[in-house]
């Protein structure tokens, strides 16, 4: 049986692998909630695990504009447009699931068409 002793390059790779495996414990704190400028640029940050944040950016300007209009109409900021917040005729036209309210996905779907 032949035993191979690792050379300096293999040892360095092994140490680098150990350092990367310990990286989550030393990771930076999660990003703060999205505010002001980031929201205006279409950037959203979602905490998906204690040490993982998902940052996305809207590439389609029409979707970004629709999302901004939704925010402007959503007076109580609950994430849905109730009949008193929705523009006349919008509720009937955009309420895809028929629950009497329009969520952001239903509202921005018009921009995706």
PDB file of N, CA and C in Angstrom:
ATOM      1  N   UNK A   1       0.835  -1.184   0.000  1.00  0.00           N
ATOM      2  CA  UNK A   1       0.000   0.000   0.000  1.00  0.00           C
ATOM      3  C   UNK A   1       0.877   1.244   0.000  1.00  0.00           C
ATOM      4  N   UNK A   2       0.510   2.205  -0.839  1.00  0.00           N
ATOM      5  CA  UNK A   2       1.306   3.419  -0.993  1.00  0.00           C
ATOM      6  C   UNK A   2       0.591   4.595  -0.331  1.00  0.00           C
ATOM      7  N   UNK A   3       1.265   5.282   0.554  1.00  0.00           N
ATOM      8  CA  UNK A   3       0.678   6.437   1.223  1.00  0.00           C
ATOM      9  C   UNK A   3       1.315   7.687   0.647  1.00  0.00           C
ATOM     10  N   UNK A   4       0.473   8.626   0.249  1.00  0.00           N
ATOM     11  CA  UNK A   4       0.984   9.849  -0.342  1.00  0.00           C
ATOM     12  C   UNK A   4       0.936  10.955   0.702  1.00  0.00           C
ATOM     13  N   UNK A   5       2.006  11.640   0.867  1.00  0.00           N
ATOM     14  CA  UNK A   5       2.083  12.761   1.801  1.00  0.00           C
ATOM     15  C   UNK A   5       1.785  14.025   1.006  1.00  0.00           C
ATOM     16  N   UNK A   6       0.790  14.806   1.472  1.00  0.00           N
ATOM     17  CA  UNK A   6       0.416  15.996   0.705  1.00  0.00           C
ATOM     18  C   UNK A   6       1.532  17.035   0.667  1.00  0.00           C
ATOM     19  N   UNK A   7       1.646  17.675  -0.477  1.00  0.00           N
ATOM     20  CA  UNK A   7       2.626  18.727  -0.639  1.00  0.00           C
ATOM     21  C   UNK A   7       2.105  20.056  -0.105  1.00  0.00           C
ATOM     22  N   UNK A   8       2.891  21.113  -0.213  1.00  0.00           N
ATOM     23  CA  UNK A   8       2.480  22.416   0.321  1.00  0.00           C
ATOM     24  C   UNK A   8       1.203  22.953  -0.316  1.00  0.00           C
ATOM     25  N   UNK A   9       0.993  22.723  -1.601  1.00  0.00           N
ATOM     26  CA  UNK A   9      -0.206  23.232  -2.273  1.00  0.00           C
ATOM     27  C   UNK A   9      -1.459  22.533  -1.738  1.00  0.00           C
ATOM     28  N   UNK A  10      -1.373  21.214  -1.538  1.00  0.00           N
ATOM     29  CA  UNK A  10      -2.515  20.467  -1.013  1.00  0.00           C
ATOM     30  C   UNK A  10      -2.822  20.904   0.415  1.00  0.00           C
ATOM     31  N   UNK A  11      -1.793  21.145   1.205  1.00  0.00           N
ATOM     32  CA  UNK A  11      -1.992  21.602   2.585  1.00  0.00           C
ATOM     33  C   UNK A  11      -2.657  22.971   2.601  1.00  0.00           C
ATOM     34  N   UNK A  12      -2.221  23.849   1.724  1.00  0.00           N
ATOM     35  CA  UNK A  12      -2.814  25.181   1.636  1.00  0.00           C
ATOM     36  C   UNK A  12      -4.292  25.101   1.243  1.00  0.00           C
ATOM     37  N   UNK A  13      -4.617  24.231   0.289  1.00  0.00           N
ATOM     38  CA  UNK A  13      -6.016  24.053  -0.116  1.00  0.00           C
ATOM     39  C   UNK A  13      -6.857  23.518   1.033  1.00  0.00           C
ATOM     40  N   UNK A  14      -6.312  22.594   1.798  1.00  0.00           N
ATOM     41  CA  UNK A  14      -7.021  22.036   2.943  1.00  0.00           C
ATOM     42  C   UNK A  14      -7.288  23.119   3.982  1.00  0.00           C
ATOM     43  N   UNK A  15      -6.301  23.933   4.268  1.00  0.00           N
ATOM     44  CA  UNK A  15      -6.483  25.021   5.239  1.00  0.00           C
ATOM     45  C   UNK A  15      -7.486  26.053   4.737  1.00  0.00           C
ATOM     46  N   UNK A  16      -7.457  26.351   3.446  1.00  0.00           N
ATOM     47  CA  UNK A  16      -8.415  27.302   2.879  1.00  0.00           C
ATOM     48  C   UNK A  16      -9.833  26.752   2.990  1.00  0.00           C
ATOM     49  N   UNK A  17     -10.005  25.453   2.761  1.00  0.00           N
ATOM     50  CA  UNK A  17     -11.312  24.831   2.892  1.00  0.00           C
ATOM     51  C   UNK A  17     -11.834  24.888   4.312  1.00  0.00           C
ATOM     52  N   UNK A  18     -10.956  24.688   5.275  1.00  0.00           N
ATOM     53  CA  UNK A  18     -11.355  24.783   6.684  1.00  0.00           C
ATOM     54  C   UNK A  18     -11.751  26.216   7.021  1.00  0.00           C
ATOM     55  N   UNK A  19     -11.017  27.190   6.505  1.00  0.00           N
ATOM     56  CA  UNK A  19     -11.328  28.596   6.775  1.00  0.00           C
ATOM     57  C   UNK A  19     -12.685  28.982   6.180  1.00  0.00           C
ATOM     58  N   UNK A  20     -12.983  28.513   4.973  1.00  0.00           N
ATOM     59  CA  UNK A  20     -14.263  28.830   4.322  1.00  0.00           C
ATOM     60  C   UNK A  20     -15.413  28.163   5.073  1.00  0.00           C
ATOM     61  N   UNK A  21     -15.204  26.944   5.549  1.00  0.00           N
ATOM     62  CA  UNK A  21     -16.254  26.244   6.283  1.00  0.00           C
ATOM     63  C   UNK A  21     -16.612  26.981   7.568  1.00  0.00           C
ATOM     64  N   UNK A  22     -15.660  27.667   8.165  1.00  0.00           N
ATOM     65  CA  UNK A  22     -15.935  28.422   9.392  1.00  0.00           C
ATOM     66  C   UNK A  22     -16.413  29.826   9.133  1.00  0.00           C
ATOM     67  N   UNK A  23     -16.511  30.235   7.855  1.00  0.00           N
ATOM     68  CA  UNK A  23     -16.890  31.610   7.510  1.00  0.00           C
ATOM     69  C   UNK A  23     -18.269  32.023   8.000  1.00  0.00           C
ATOM     70  N   UNK A  24     -19.324  31.167   7.963  1.00  0.00           N
ATOM     71  CA  UNK A  24     -20.632  31.630   8.430  1.00  0.00           C
ATOM     72  C   UNK A  24     -20.617  32.115   9.874  1.00  0.00           C
ATOM     73  N   UNK A  25     -19.789  31.521  10.696  1.00  0.00           N
ATOM     74  CA  UNK A  25     -19.729  31.968  12.090  1.00  0.00           C
ATOM     75  C   UNK A  25     -19.138  33.367  12.187  1.00  0.00           C
ATOM     76  N   UNK A  26     -18.327  33.748  11.201  1.00  0.00           N
ATOM     77  CA  UNK A  26     -17.689  35.055  11.238  1.00  0.00           C
ATOM     78  C   UNK A  26     -18.337  36.035  10.270  1.00  0.00           C
ATOM     79  N   UNK A  27     -19.469  35.682   9.707  1.00  0.00           N
ATOM     80  CA  UNK A  27     -20.129  36.508   8.693  1.00  0.00           C
ATOM     81  C   UNK A  27     -20.581  37.840   9.269  1.00  0.00           C
ATOM     82  N   UNK A  28     -20.672  38.820   8.416  1.00  0.00           N
ATOM     83  CA  UNK A  28     -21.135  40.149   8.816  1.00  0.00           C
ATOM     84  C   UNK A  28     -22.604  40.084   9.204  1.00  0.00           C
ATOM     85  N   UNK A  29     -23.064  41.014  10.031  1.00  0.00           N
ATOM     86  CA  UNK A  29     -24.483  41.020  10.407  1.00  0.00           C
ATOM     87  C   UNK A  29     -25.355  41.233   9.174  1.00  0.00           C
ATOM     88  N   UNK A  30     -26.628  40.792   9.233  1.00  0.00           N
ATOM     89  CA  UNK A  30     -27.502  40.931   8.064  1.00  0.00           C
ATOM     90  C   UNK A  30     -27.707  42.387   7.681  1.00  0.00           C
ATOM     91  N   UNK A  31     -28.045  42.584   6.422  1.00  0.00           N
ATOM     92  CA  UNK A  31     -28.299  43.927   5.917  1.00  0.00           C
ATOM     93  C   UNK A  31     -29.486  44.549   6.646  1.00  0.00           C
ATOM     94  N   UNK A  32     -29.441  45.861   6.844  1.00  0.00           N
ATOM     95  CA  UNK A  32     -30.585  46.530   7.458  1.00  0.00           C
ATOM     96  C   UNK A  32     -31.772  46.525   6.496  1.00  0.00           C
ATOM     97  N   UNK A  33     -32.969  46.787   7.002  1.00  0.00           N
ATOM     98  CA  UNK A  33     -34.140  46.830   6.106  1.00  0.00           C
ATOM     99  C   UNK A  33     -33.947  47.850   4.987  1.00  0.00           C
ATOM    100  N   UNK A  34     -34.570  47.577   3.864  1.00  0.00           N
ATOM    101  CA  UNK A  34     -34.463  48.460   2.709  1.00  0.00           C
ATOM    102  C   UNK A  34     -35.203  49.758   3.006  1.00  0.00           C
ATOM    103  N   UNK A  35     -34.564  50.855   2.692  1.00  0.00           N
ATOM    104  CA  UNK A  35     -35.196  52.152   2.936  1.00  0.00           C
ATOM    105  C   UNK A  35     -34.852  53.102   1.806  1.00  0.00           C
ATOM    106  N   UNK A  36     -35.547  54.205   1.797  1.00  0.00           N
ATOM    107  CA  UNK A  36     -35.310  55.333   0.914  1.00  0.00           C
ATOM    108  C   UNK A  36     -34.744  55.037  -0.449  1.00  0.00           C
ATOM    109  N   UNK A  37     -33.456  55.312  -0.631  1.00  0.00           N
ATOM    110  CA  UNK A  37     -32.806  55.224  -1.932  1.00  0.00           C
ATOM    111  C   UNK A  37     -32.856  53.813  -2.508  1.00  0.00           C
ATOM    112  N   UNK A  38     -32.612  52.790  -1.678  1.00  0.00           N
ATOM    113  CA  UNK A  38     -32.644  51.421  -2.191  1.00  0.00           C
ATOM    114  C   UNK A  38     -34.035  51.077  -2.703  1.00  0.00           C
ATOM    115  N   UNK A  39     -35.066  51.469  -1.980  1.00  0.00           N
ATOM    116  CA  UNK A  39     -36.438  51.182  -2.420  1.00  0.00           C
ATOM    117  C   UNK A  39     -36.722  51.911  -3.728  1.00  0.00           C
ATOM    118  N   UNK A  40     -36.246  53.156  -3.838  1.00  0.00           N
ATOM    119  CA  UNK A  40     -36.471  53.934  -5.054  1.00  0.00           C
ATOM    120  C   UNK A  40     -35.763  53.314  -6.253  1.00  0.00           C
ATOM    121  N   UNK A  41     -34.648  52.620  -6.020  1.00  0.00           N
ATOM    122  CA  UNK A  41     -33.914  51.985  -7.108  1.00  0.00           C
ATOM    123  C   UNK A  41     -34.394  50.557  -7.379  1.00  0.00           C
ATOM    124  N   UNK A  42     -35.409  50.101  -6.652  1.00  0.00           N
ATOM    125  CA  UNK A  42     -35.965  48.782  -6.889  1.00  0.00           C
ATOM    126  C   UNK A  42     -35.195  47.664  -6.230  1.00  0.00           C
ATOM    127  N   UNK A  43     -34.424  47.961  -5.181  1.00  0.00           N
ATOM    128  CA  UNK A  43     -33.654  46.943  -4.481  1.00  0.00           C
ATOM    129  C   UNK A  43     -34.466  46.447  -3.292  1.00  0.00           C
ATOM    130  N   UNK A  44     -34.556  45.125  -3.153  1.00  0.00           N
ATOM    131  CA  UNK A  44     -35.197  44.562  -1.976  1.00  0.00           C
ATOM    132  C   UNK A  44     -34.231  43.605  -1.300  1.00  0.00           C
ATOM    133  N   UNK A  45     -34.293  43.567   0.009  1.00  0.00           N
ATOM    134  CA  UNK A  45     -33.458  42.658   0.788  1.00  0.00           C
ATOM    135  C   UNK A  45     -34.391  41.842   1.666  1.00  0.00           C
ATOM    136  N   UNK A  46     -34.269  40.531   1.579  1.00  0.00           N
ATOM    137  CA  UNK A  46     -35.101  39.641   2.365  1.00  0.00           C
ATOM    138  C   UNK A  46     -34.217  38.709   3.174  1.00  0.00           C
ATOM    139  N   UNK A  47     -34.429  38.638   4.480  1.00  0.00           N
ATOM    140  CA  UNK A  47     -33.680  37.733   5.351  1.00  0.00           C
ATOM    141  C   UNK A  47     -34.278  36.341   5.192  1.00  0.00           C
ATOM    142  N   UNK A  48     -33.530  35.389   4.621  1.00  0.00           N
ATOM    143  CA  UNK A  48     -34.051  34.056   4.378  1.00  0.00           C
ATOM    144  C   UNK A  48     -33.556  33.042   5.411  1.00  0.00           C
ATOM    145  N   UNK A  49     -32.537  33.395   6.147  1.00  0.00           N
ATOM    146  CA  UNK A  49     -32.005  32.579   7.239  1.00  0.00           C
ATOM    147  C   UNK A  49     -31.227  33.523   8.143  1.00  0.00           C
ATOM    148  N   UNK A  50     -30.895  33.093   9.350  1.00  0.00           N
ATOM    149  CA  UNK A  50     -30.187  34.010  10.256  1.00  0.00           C
ATOM    150  C   UNK A  50     -28.912  34.605   9.669  1.00  0.00           C
ATOM    151  N   UNK A  51     -28.214  33.860   8.844  1.00  0.00           N
ATOM    152  CA  UNK A  51     -26.964  34.360   8.281  1.00  0.00           C
ATOM    153  C   UNK A  51     -27.009  34.536   6.763  1.00  0.00           C
ATOM    154  N   UNK A  52     -28.235  34.575   6.185  1.00  0.00           N
ATOM    155  CA  UNK A  52     -28.364  34.692   4.729  1.00  0.00           C
ATOM    156  C   UNK A  52     -29.390  35.762   4.384  1.00  0.00           C
ATOM    157  N   UNK A  53     -28.967  36.739   3.580  1.00  0.00           N
ATOM    158  CA  UNK A  53     -29.869  37.764   3.053  1.00  0.00           C
ATOM    159  C   UNK A  53     -29.938  37.605   1.550  1.00  0.00           C
ATOM    160  N   UNK A  54     -31.126  37.776   1.013  1.00  0.00           N
ATOM    161  CA  UNK A  54     -31.325  37.710  -0.436  1.00  0.00           C
ATOM    162  C   UNK A  54     -31.592  39.120  -0.930  1.00  0.00           C
ATOM    163  N   UNK A  55     -30.715  39.629  -1.778  1.00  0.00           N
ATOM    164  CA  UNK A  55     -30.847  40.973  -2.316  1.00  0.00           C
ATOM    165  C   UNK A  55     -31.206  40.862  -3.780  1.00  0.00           C
ATOM    166  N   UNK A  56     -32.298  41.522  -4.171  1.00  0.00           N
ATOM    167  CA  UNK A  56     -32.718  41.490  -5.568  1.00  0.00           C
ATOM    168  C   UNK A  56     -32.916  42.913  -6.080  1.00  0.00           C
ATOM    169  N   UNK A  57     -32.823  43.045  -7.374  1.00  0.00           N
ATOM    170  CA  UNK A  57     -33.041  44.347  -8.011  1.00  0.00           C
ATOM    171  C   UNK A  57     -33.982  44.142  -9.191  1.00  0.00           C
ATOM    172  N   UNK A  58     -34.986  45.002  -9.274  1.00  0.00           N
ATOM    173  CA  UNK A  58     -35.943  44.933 -10.371  1.00  0.00           C
ATOM    174  C   UNK A  58     -35.278  45.487 -11.626  1.00  0.00           C
ATOM    175  N   UNK A  59     -35.248  44.675 -12.676  1.00  0.00           N
ATOM    176  CA  UNK A  59     -34.593  45.101 -13.910  1.00  0.00           C
ATOM    177  C   UNK A  59     -35.556  45.797 -14.856  1.00  0.00           C
ATOM    178  N   UNK A  60     -36.843  45.535 -14.714  1.00  0.00           N
ATOM    179  CA  UNK A  60     -37.837  46.093 -15.617  1.00  0.00           C
ATOM    180  C   UNK A  60     -38.412  47.394 -15.045  1.00  0.00           C
ATOM    181  N   UNK A  61     -38.175  48.530 -15.674  1.00  0.00           N
ATOM    182  CA  UNK A  61     -38.675  49.804 -15.165  1.00  0.00           C
ATOM    183  C   UNK A  61     -40.198  49.844 -15.022  1.00  0.00           C
ATOM    184  N   UNK A  62     -40.928  49.131 -15.888  1.00  0.00           N
ATOM    185  CA  UNK A  62     -42.391  49.118 -15.796  1.00  0.00           C
ATOM    186  C   UNK A  62     -42.844  48.438 -14.503  1.00  0.00           C
ATOM    187  N   UNK A  63     -42.155  47.357 -14.115  1.00  0.00           N
ATOM    188  CA  UNK A  63     -42.487  46.695 -12.848  1.00  0.00           C
ATOM    189  C   UNK A  63     -42.176  47.597 -11.660  1.00  0.00           C
ATOM    190  N   UNK A  64     -41.075  48.307 -11.743  1.00  0.00           N
ATOM    191  CA  UNK A  64     -40.704  49.225 -10.670  1.00  0.00           C
ATOM    192  C   UNK A  64     -41.731  50.346 -10.541  1.00  0.00           C
ATOM    193  N   UNK A  65     -42.163  50.899 -11.651  1.00  0.00           N
ATOM    194  CA  UNK A  65     -43.179  51.958 -11.611  1.00  0.00           C
ATOM    195  C   UNK A  65     -44.499  51.432 -11.064  1.00  0.00           C
ATOM    196  N   UNK A  66     -44.904  50.236 -11.469  1.00  0.00           N
ATOM    197  CA  UNK A  66     -46.146  49.647 -10.962  1.00  0.00           C
ATOM    198  C   UNK A  66     -46.043  49.408  -9.466  1.00  0.00           C
ATOM    199  N   UNK A  67     -44.888  48.962  -9.007  1.00  0.00           N
ATOM    200  CA  UNK A  67     -44.696  48.732  -7.581  1.00  0.00           C
ATOM    201  C   UNK A  67     -44.759  50.039  -6.795  1.00  0.00           C
ATOM    202  N   UNK A  68     -44.192  51.089  -7.354  1.00  0.00           N
ATOM    203  CA  UNK A  68     -44.262  52.410  -6.702  1.00  0.00           C
ATOM    204  C   UNK A  68     -45.704  52.921  -6.652  1.00  0.00           C
ATOM    205  N   UNK A  69     -46.461  52.725  -7.740  1.00  0.00           N
ATOM    206  CA  UNK A  69     -47.878  53.133  -7.732  1.00  0.00           C
ATOM    207  C   UNK A  69     -48.651  52.355  -6.676  1.00  0.00           C
ATOM    208  N   UNK A  70     -48.362  51.065  -6.571  1.00  0.00           N
ATOM    209  CA  UNK A  70     -49.013  50.244  -5.551  1.00  0.00           C
ATOM    210  C   UNK A  70     -48.731  50.811  -4.161  1.00  0.00           C
ATOM    211  N   UNK A  71     -47.458  51.133  -3.880  1.00  0.00           N
ATOM    212  CA  UNK A  71     -47.096  51.703  -2.572  1.00  0.00           C
ATOM    213  C   UNK A  71     -47.836  53.013  -2.313  1.00  0.00           C
ATOM    214  N   UNK A  72     -47.979  53.841  -3.353  1.00  0.00           N
ATOM    215  CA  UNK A  72     -48.667  55.126  -3.182  1.00  0.00           C
ATOM    216  C   UNK A  72     -50.151  54.923  -2.885  1.00  0.00           C
ATOM    217  N   UNK A  73     -50.765  53.906  -3.486  1.00  0.00           N
ATOM    218  CA  UNK A  73     -52.182  53.651  -3.267  1.00  0.00           C
ATOM    219  C   UNK A  73     -52.458  52.938  -1.940  1.00  0.00           C
ATOM    220  N   UNK A  74     -51.505  52.154  -1.472  1.00  0.00           N
ATOM    221  CA  UNK A  74     -51.674  51.378  -0.235  1.00  0.00           C
ATOM    222  C   UNK A  74     -51.511  52.289   0.979  1.00  0.00           C
ATOM    223  N   UNK A  75     -52.578  53.026   1.293  1.00  0.00           N
ATOM    224  CA  UNK A  75     -52.532  54.062   2.334  1.00  0.00           C
ATOM    225  C   UNK A  75     -52.152  53.513   3.707  1.00  0.00           C
ATOM    226  N   UNK A  76     -52.633  52.336   4.075  1.00  0.00           N
ATOM    227  CA  UNK A  76     -52.330  51.805   5.406  1.00  0.00           C
ATOM    228  C   UNK A  76     -51.118  50.873   5.409  1.00  0.00           C
ATOM    229  N   UNK A  77     -50.439  50.735   4.289  1.00  0.00           N
ATOM    230  CA  UNK A  77     -49.196  49.960   4.146  1.00  0.00           C
ATOM    231  C   UNK A  77     -49.331  48.522   4.647  1.00  0.00           C
ATOM    232  N   UNK A  78     -50.487  47.905   4.396  1.00  0.00           N
ATOM    233  CA  UNK A  78     -50.675  46.522   4.818  1.00  0.00           C
ATOM    234  C   UNK A  78     -50.345  45.513   3.722  1.00  0.00           C
ATOM    235  N   UNK A  79     -49.902  45.990   2.565  1.00  0.00           N
ATOM    236  CA  UNK A  79     -49.480  45.108   1.484  1.00  0.00           C
ATOM    237  C   UNK A  79     -50.590  44.678   0.542  1.00  0.00           C
ATOM    238  N   UNK A  80     -51.807  45.165   0.762  1.00  0.00           N
ATOM    239  CA  UNK A  80     -52.922  44.876  -0.142  1.00  0.00           C
ATOM    240  C   UNK A  80     -53.740  46.140  -0.342  1.00  0.00           C
ATOM    241  N   UNK A  81     -54.396  46.218  -1.500  1.00  0.00           N
ATOM    242  CA  UNK A  81     -55.295  47.336  -1.766  1.00  0.00           C
ATOM    243  C   UNK A  81     -56.716  46.878  -1.483  1.00  0.00           C
ATOM    244  N   UNK A  82     -57.335  47.516  -0.520  1.00  0.00           N
ATOM    245  CA  UNK A  82     -58.725  47.240  -0.170  1.00  0.00           C
ATOM    246  C   UNK A  82     -59.616  48.025  -1.127  1.00  0.00           C
ATOM    247  N   UNK A  83     -60.921  47.744  -1.150  1.00  0.00           N
ATOM    248  CA  UNK A  83     -61.820  48.477  -2.059  1.00  0.00           C
ATOM    249  C   UNK A  83     -61.751  49.996  -1.900  1.00  0.00           C
ATOM    250  N   UNK A  84     -61.517  50.490  -0.684  1.00  0.00           N
ATOM    251  CA  UNK A  84     -61.449  51.947  -0.492  1.00  0.00           C
ATOM    252  C   UNK A  84     -60.117  52.538  -0.956  1.00  0.00           C
ATOM    253  N   UNK A  85     -59.080  51.721  -1.122  1.00  0.00           N
ATOM    254  CA  UNK A  85     -57.780  52.206  -1.591  1.00  0.00           C
ATOM    255  C   UNK A  85     -57.629  52.078  -3.110  1.00  0.00           C
ATOM    256  N   UNK A  86     -58.285  51.100  -3.704  1.00  0.00           N
ATOM    257  CA  UNK A  86     -58.129  50.832  -5.137  1.00  0.00           C
ATOM    258  C   UNK A  86     -58.855  51.881  -5.968  1.00  0.00           C
ATOM    259  N   UNK A  87     -58.308  52.167  -7.127  1.00  0.00           N
ATOM    260  CA  UNK A  87     -58.936  53.096  -8.053  1.00  0.00           C
ATOM    261  C   UNK A  87     -60.218  52.469  -8.602  1.00  0.00           C
ATOM    262  N   UNK A  88     -61.155  53.289  -9.007  1.00  0.00           N
ATOM    263  CA  UNK A  88     -62.434  52.792  -9.534  1.00  0.00           C
ATOM    264  C   UNK A  88     -62.211  51.850 -10.706  1.00  0.00           C
ATOM    265  N   UNK A  89     -62.828  50.681 -10.664  1.00  0.00           N
ATOM    266  CA  UNK A  89     -62.718  49.703 -11.736  1.00  0.00           C
ATOM    267  C   UNK A  89     -61.484  48.819 -11.650  1.00  0.00           C
ATOM    268  N   UNK A  90     -60.506  49.212 -10.851  1.00  0.00           N
ATOM    269  CA  UNK A  90     -59.267  48.443 -10.755  1.00  0.00           C
ATOM    270  C   UNK A  90     -59.489  47.124 -10.032  1.00  0.00           C
ATOM    271  N   UNK A  91     -60.286  47.151  -8.982  1.00  0.00           N
ATOM    272  CA  UNK A  91     -60.497  45.942  -8.188  1.00  0.00           C
ATOM    273  C   UNK A  91     -61.081  44.816  -9.045  1.00  0.00           C
ATOM    274  N   UNK A  92     -62.112  45.110  -9.808  1.00  0.00           N
ATOM    275  CA  UNK A  92     -62.736  44.086 -10.654  1.00  0.00           C
ATOM    276  C   UNK A  92     -61.785  43.566 -11.726  1.00  0.00           C
ATOM    277  N   UNK A  93     -60.971  44.459 -12.255  1.00  0.00           N
ATOM    278  CA  UNK A  93     -60.091  44.097 -13.367  1.00  0.00           C
ATOM    279  C   UNK A  93     -58.856  43.315 -12.913  1.00  0.00           C
ATOM    280  N   UNK A  94     -58.301  43.630 -11.727  1.00  0.00           N
ATOM    281  CA  UNK A  94     -57.021  43.055 -11.317  1.00  0.00           C
ATOM    282  C   UNK A  94     -57.095  41.992 -10.230  1.00  0.00           C
ATOM    283  N   UNK A  95     -58.234  41.845  -9.578  1.00  0.00           N
ATOM    284  CA  UNK A  95     -58.352  40.882  -8.481  1.00  0.00           C
ATOM    285  C   UNK A  95     -58.445  39.461  -9.050  1.00  0.00           C
ATOM    286  N   UNK A  96     -57.277  38.867  -9.296  1.00  0.00           N
ATOM    287  CA  UNK A  96     -57.211  37.566  -9.971  1.00  0.00           C
ATOM    288  C   UNK A  96     -57.794  36.433  -9.134  1.00  0.00           C
ATOM    289  N   UNK A  97     -57.617  36.470  -7.815  1.00  0.00           N
ATOM    290  CA  UNK A  97     -58.109  35.371  -6.986  1.00  0.00           C
ATOM    291  C   UNK A  97     -59.504  35.619  -6.418  1.00  0.00           C
ATOM    292  N   UNK A  98     -60.088  36.778  -6.712  1.00  0.00           N
ATOM    293  CA  UNK A  98     -61.458  37.072  -6.322  1.00  0.00           C
ATOM    294  C   UNK A  98     -61.696  37.243  -4.830  1.00  0.00           C
ATOM    295  N   UNK A  99     -60.646  37.620  -4.070  1.00  0.00           N
ATOM    296  CA  UNK A  99     -60.817  37.776  -2.628  1.00  0.00           C
ATOM    297  C   UNK A  99     -61.240  39.189  -2.217  1.00  0.00           C
ATOM    298  N   UNK A 100     -61.462  40.062  -3.186  1.00  0.00           N
ATOM    299  CA  UNK A 100     -61.906  41.422  -2.875  1.00  0.00           C
ATOM    300  C   UNK A 100     -60.787  42.374  -2.515  1.00  0.00           C
ATOM    301  N   UNK A 101     -59.554  41.916  -2.672  1.00  0.00           N
ATOM    302  CA  UNK A 101     -58.375  42.755  -2.397  1.00  0.00           C
ATOM    303  C   UNK A 101     -57.325  42.492  -3.470  1.00  0.00           C
ATOM    304  N   UNK A 102     -56.458  43.461  -3.680  1.00  0.00           N
ATOM    305  CA  UNK A 102     -55.397  43.321  -4.687  1.00  0.00           C
ATOM    306  C   UNK A 102     -54.057  43.345  -3.971  1.00  0.00           C
ATOM    307  N   UNK A 103     -53.266  42.274  -4.135  1.00  0.00           N
ATOM    308  CA  UNK A 103     -51.924  42.291  -3.561  1.00  0.00           C
ATOM    309  C   UNK A 103     -50.935  42.819  -4.602  1.00  0.00           C
ATOM    310  N   UNK A 104     -49.691  42.985  -4.194  1.00  0.00           N
ATOM    311  CA  UNK A 104     -48.676  43.560  -5.086  1.00  0.00           C
ATOM    312  C   UNK A 104     -48.511  42.740  -6.364  1.00  0.00           C
ATOM    313  N   UNK A 105     -48.519  41.418  -6.252  1.00  0.00           N
ATOM    314  CA  UNK A 105     -48.357  40.572  -7.439  1.00  0.00           C
ATOM    315  C   UNK A 105     -49.495  40.762  -8.432  1.00  0.00           C
ATOM    316  N   UNK A 106     -50.716  40.846  -7.923  1.00  0.00           N
ATOM    317  CA  UNK A 106     -51.859  41.063  -8.813  1.00  0.00           C
ATOM    318  C   UNK A 106     -51.756  42.436  -9.481  1.00  0.00           C
ATOM    319  N   UNK A 107     -51.336  43.439  -8.715  1.00  0.00           N
ATOM    320  CA  UNK A 107     -51.254  44.795  -9.260  1.00  0.00           C
ATOM    321  C   UNK A 107     -50.145  44.913 -10.298  1.00  0.00           C
ATOM    322  N   UNK A 108     -48.987  44.330 -10.015  1.00  0.00           N
ATOM    323  CA  UNK A 108     -47.858  44.456 -10.954  1.00  0.00           C
ATOM    324  C   UNK A 108     -47.988  43.516 -12.144  1.00  0.00           C
ATOM    325  N   UNK A 109     -48.917  42.568 -12.098  1.00  0.00           N
ATOM    326  CA  UNK A 109     -49.108  41.649 -13.230  1.00  0.00           C
ATOM    327  C   UNK A 109     -49.502  42.423 -14.489  1.00  0.00           C
ATOM    328  N   UNK A 110     -50.174  43.559 -14.321  1.00  0.00           N
ATOM    329  CA  UNK A 110     -50.549  44.347 -15.492  1.00  0.00           C
ATOM    330  C   UNK A 110     -49.322  44.859 -16.227  1.00  0.00           C
ATOM    331  N   UNK A 111     -48.245  45.124 -15.515  1.00  0.00           N
ATOM    332  CA  UNK A 111     -47.017  45.609 -16.144  1.00  0.00           C
ATOM    333  C   UNK A 111     -46.256  44.472 -16.831  1.00  0.00           C
ATOM    334  N   UNK A 112     -46.490  43.227 -16.398  1.00  0.00           N
ATOM    335  CA  UNK A 112     -45.797  42.080 -16.998  1.00  0.00           C
ATOM    336  C   UNK A 112     -46.450  41.628 -18.282  1.00  0.00           C
ATOM    337  N   UNK A 113     -47.637  42.118 -18.600  1.00  0.00           N
ATOM    338  CA  UNK A 113     -48.355  41.694 -19.809  1.00  0.00           C
ATOM    339  C   UNK A 113     -47.863  42.388 -21.029  1.00  0.00           C
TER     340      UNK A 113
END
